[in-house]
Amino acid sequence: MNSFIENSQYLTDSLISEIMGRLESESESGIAAKDIVPSMSLRDDLGMDSMQAVSLTLDLEDSLSIAIDDEDLIKLETVSDLLEIIESKLSQKNG
């Protein structure tokens, strides 16, 4: 994983595993959760379209009790982007 995740205060191993599992289930590419890396493109590598990305973020909003803004969704291109947005929202919520 990249240093951002290693230094995360809010993204625990179990939470990252949950997110990767959700990415695997939304993905059209058949990539296993354990093989998903932060640099992967949601669209190009995981085969997710914009509706799947929205569905994923809505699920994460519900399960994590966070709100992901439209501005954040626009910037959502890679797995790392998703993790950074979640980290930011969790830090705002708990900060």
Protein backbone atom coordinates (compact mmCIF):
# COMPACT_ATOMS: atom_id res chain seq x y z
CA MET A 1 0.00 0.00 0.00
CA ASN A 2 1.10 3.56 -0.40
CA SER A 3 2.39 5.75 2.41
CA PHE A 4 -0.88 7.68 2.58
CA ILE A 5 -2.73 4.59 3.74
CA GLU A 6 0.06 3.49 6.08
CA ASN A 7 -0.08 6.88 7.80
CA SER A 8 -3.86 6.97 7.95
CA GLN A 9 -5.47 7.56 11.29
CA TYR A 10 -8.91 6.38 10.19
CA LEU A 11 -8.40 3.78 7.47
CA THR A 12 -7.89 0.63 9.53
CA ASP A 13 -6.95 -2.67 7.94
CA SER A 14 -10.49 -3.96 8.45
CA LEU A 15 -11.99 -0.84 6.85
CA ILE A 16 -9.63 -1.07 3.89
CA SER A 17 -10.55 -4.75 3.50
CA GLU A 18 -14.24 -3.80 3.53
CA ILE A 19 -13.68 -1.11 0.87
CA MET A 20 -11.64 -3.48 -1.31
CA GLY A 21 -14.38 -6.10 -0.99
CA ARG A 22 -16.96 -3.60 -2.14
CA LEU A 23 -14.72 -2.60 -5.05
CA GLU A 24 -14.42 -6.27 -6.00
CA SER A 25 -18.19 -6.75 -5.95
CA GLU A 26 -18.85 -3.58 -8.01
CA SER A 27 -16.02 -4.29 -10.44
CA GLU A 28 -16.71 -5.79 -13.84
CA SER A 29 -13.11 -6.93 -14.23
CA GLY A 30 -13.14 -9.94 -11.92
CA ILE A 31 -10.14 -8.66 -9.96
CA ALA A 32 -10.03 -10.10 -6.44
CA ALA A 33 -10.07 -7.66 -3.51
CA LYS A 34 -6.57 -8.80 -2.45
CA ASP A 35 -5.21 -7.80 -5.89
CA ILE A 36 -6.66 -4.28 -5.92
CA VAL A 37 -4.02 -1.60 -5.41
CA PRO A 38 -4.45 2.16 -4.79
CA SER A 39 -3.05 3.17 -8.19
CA MET A 40 -5.77 1.27 -10.09
CA SER A 41 -8.27 3.25 -12.12
CA LEU A 42 -11.87 2.60 -11.14
CA ARG A 43 -12.93 2.77 -14.79
CA ASP A 44 -9.97 1.40 -16.73
CA ASP A 45 -8.66 -1.27 -14.33
CA LEU A 46 -11.82 -2.24 -12.44
CA GLY A 47 -14.32 -1.68 -15.24
CA MET A 48 -16.64 0.49 -13.15
CA ASP A 49 -18.92 2.98 -14.86
CA SER A 50 -20.10 6.20 -13.24
CA MET A 51 -23.32 4.61 -11.95
CA GLN A 52 -21.36 1.85 -10.22
CA ALA A 53 -19.05 4.43 -8.65
CA VAL A 54 -22.05 6.38 -7.36
CA SER A 55 -23.61 3.18 -6.02
CA LEU A 56 -20.36 2.29 -4.28
CA THR A 57 -20.02 5.72 -2.67
CA LEU A 58 -23.66 5.68 -1.53
CA ASP A 59 -23.07 2.32 0.14
CA LEU A 60 -19.93 3.62 1.81
CA GLU A 61 -21.71 6.79 2.94
CA ASP A 62 -24.36 4.67 4.65
CA SER A 63 -22.01 2.17 6.25
CA LEU A 64 -19.49 4.79 7.44
CA SER A 65 -21.98 7.58 8.27
CA ILE A 66 -20.17 10.08 6.06
CA ALA A 67 -21.28 12.38 3.23
CA ILE A 68 -19.32 12.41 -0.03
CA ASP A 69 -19.85 15.64 -1.96
CA ASP A 70 -20.47 15.90 -5.70
CA GLU A 71 -17.14 17.76 -6.00
CA ASP A 72 -15.42 14.71 -4.50
CA LEU A 73 -17.22 12.34 -6.86
CA ILE A 74 -15.96 14.33 -9.85
CA LYS A 75 -12.36 13.80 -8.67
CA LEU A 76 -12.89 10.07 -8.15
CA GLU A 77 -10.68 8.27 -10.66
CA THR A 78 -8.50 5.80 -8.76
CA VAL A 79 -8.78 3.55 -5.72
CA SER A 80 -6.39 5.94 -3.98
CA ASP A 81 -8.75 8.86 -4.68
CA LEU A 82 -11.56 6.91 -3.03
CA LEU A 83 -9.45 6.08 0.02
CA GLU A 84 -8.30 9.70 0.37
CA ILE A 85 -11.88 10.98 0.21
CA ILE A 86 -13.01 8.47 2.84
CA GLU A 87 -10.05 9.34 5.06
CA SER A 88 -10.85 13.04 4.75
CA LYS A 89 -14.54 12.56 5.56
CA LEU A 90 -13.80 10.31 8.53
CA SER A 91 -11.29 12.83 9.91
CA GLN A 92 -13.88 15.63 9.58
CA LYS A 93 -16.49 13.50 11.29
CA ASN A 94 -14.20 12.42 14.13
CA GLY A 95 -12.06 15.54 14.33
